[in-house]
């Protein structure tokens, strides 16, 4: 591998690490955009390739926006609180049953 490739991997690693761990309490987007910007500034990725990657992910972005909107509406309407109350009631004091109920609701 070339130095160019190692640099790309290092930048991707740091950006991903920042997204996952959020050092300095910075939002995930800051780390992701900073990683992309560093790749562009140092010429490790062409602006055309970056723009093509952004456009290629349009369906994913729309899906994520839709999921965020749905979850916000569900939160505002109290759906998560309602489900949590029912899970606690149905668990009847059993932590393993509560875990199973929460897990089950999460995968539905």
Foldseek 3Di string as FASTA:
>chain_A
DDPLVVVLVVLVVQLVCCLVPVPPVDHNVVSVVVSVVVCDVVVSDDPVRVVVVVVVCVVVVVVVVVVVVVVVVCVVVCVVVVQLVVLVVVCVPPPVSSVVSVVVVVVD
